[in-house]
Amino acid sequence: QFLALFFNREKEADEYVARVSSAIKRIYSLNLSPDVRPKVIWGDIYEERVLVEPGNSWVAEMVNLAGGDYLFSDIAGGS
């Protein structure tokens, strides 16, 4: 939404955020048992190195919101 201000696209950004938020809530509601938390990892390959997102990243937040257990949640760092 921040970048949308520079391009006069606030309406589109707000609609996108609403759609994504709705999808996250829908996925979260599918988690039938609070004891079941799928284990999730996220990585990228960049210049022949595997990079993982730390536990304080947007990836970890999305996994948590969806009811998953992000395996690198104990690693802090920049995203």
Protein backbone atom coordinates (compact mmCIF):
# COMPACT_ATOMS: atom_id res chain seq x y z
CA GLN A 1 0.00 0.00 0.00
CA PHE A 2 2.90 2.31 0.67
CA LEU A 3 4.13 2.23 -2.94
CA ALA A 4 0.61 2.71 -4.27
CA LEU A 5 0.69 6.29 -2.97
CA PHE A 6 3.44 7.17 -5.44
CA PHE A 7 1.44 5.88 -8.40
CA ASN A 8 -2.02 7.08 -7.38
CA ARG A 9 -3.16 3.44 -7.09
CA GLU A 10 -4.44 3.40 -3.50
CA LYS A 11 -7.80 1.92 -4.47
CA GLU A 12 -6.19 -1.04 -6.27
CA ALA A 13 -3.79 -1.58 -3.38
CA ASP A 14 -6.61 -1.53 -0.83
CA GLU A 15 -8.58 -4.05 -2.91
CA TYR A 16 -5.53 -6.31 -3.20
CA VAL A 17 -4.83 -6.19 0.54
CA ALA A 18 -8.49 -6.97 1.25
CA ARG A 19 -8.38 -9.98 -1.11
CA VAL A 20 -5.18 -11.33 0.40
CA SER A 21 -6.43 -10.78 3.96
CA SER A 22 -9.64 -12.60 3.11
CA ALA A 23 -7.71 -15.51 1.60
CA ILE A 24 -5.48 -15.75 4.68
CA LYS A 25 -8.51 -15.80 6.98
CA ARG A 26 -10.18 -18.47 4.82
CA ILE A 27 -7.07 -20.67 4.89
CA TYR A 28 -6.68 -20.12 8.62
CA SER A 29 -10.28 -21.23 9.20
CA LEU A 30 -9.54 -24.54 7.44
CA ASN A 31 -7.16 -25.54 10.21
CA LEU A 32 -9.57 -27.95 11.91
CA SER A 33 -7.37 -28.99 14.81
CA PRO A 34 -5.19 -26.58 16.78
CA ASP A 35 -2.84 -29.52 17.44
CA VAL A 36 -2.13 -29.96 13.72
CA ARG A 37 0.41 -27.42 12.50
CA PRO A 38 2.08 -28.40 9.22
CA LYS A 39 5.83 -27.84 9.23
CA VAL A 40 6.89 -25.32 6.59
CA ILE A 41 10.24 -24.16 5.24
CA TRP A 42 10.86 -21.41 2.71
CA GLY A 43 14.02 -20.89 0.75
CA ASP A 44 15.35 -19.25 -2.38
CA ILE A 45 18.37 -20.17 -4.44
CA TYR A 46 20.40 -17.09 -5.30
CA GLU A 47 23.89 -17.14 -6.80
CA GLU A 48 24.26 -20.85 -5.96
CA ARG A 49 23.34 -20.29 -2.30
CA VAL A 50 20.19 -21.28 -0.46
CA LEU A 51 18.72 -18.37 1.45
CA VAL A 52 16.01 -18.85 4.08
CA GLU A 53 13.75 -16.22 5.59
CA PRO A 54 14.20 -15.61 9.32
CA GLY A 55 11.52 -16.05 11.94
CA ASN A 56 10.76 -12.32 12.00
CA SER A 57 10.04 -12.14 8.25
CA TRP A 58 6.81 -11.71 6.31
CA VAL A 59 7.12 -15.34 5.20
CA ALA A 60 7.14 -16.57 8.80
CA GLU A 61 4.19 -14.32 9.59
CA MET A 62 2.16 -15.70 6.66
CA VAL A 63 2.95 -19.29 7.64
CA ASN A 64 1.92 -18.58 11.23
CA LEU A 65 -1.31 -16.87 10.16
CA ALA A 66 -2.16 -19.87 7.99
CA GLY A 67 -1.67 -22.22 10.96
CA GLY A 68 1.73 -23.60 10.00
CA ASP A 69 4.89 -24.15 12.01
CA TYR A 70 7.74 -22.24 10.31
CA LEU A 71 10.87 -24.29 10.94
CA PHE A 72 13.20 -21.27 10.96
CA SER A 73 11.12 -19.30 13.46
CA ASP A 74 14.01 -19.31 15.95
CA ILE A 75 16.36 -17.53 13.52
CA ALA A 76 16.39 -13.73 13.67
CA GLY A 77 17.61 -11.48 10.91
CA GLY A 78 16.75 -9.15 8.09
CA SER A 79 14.28 -10.20 5.44
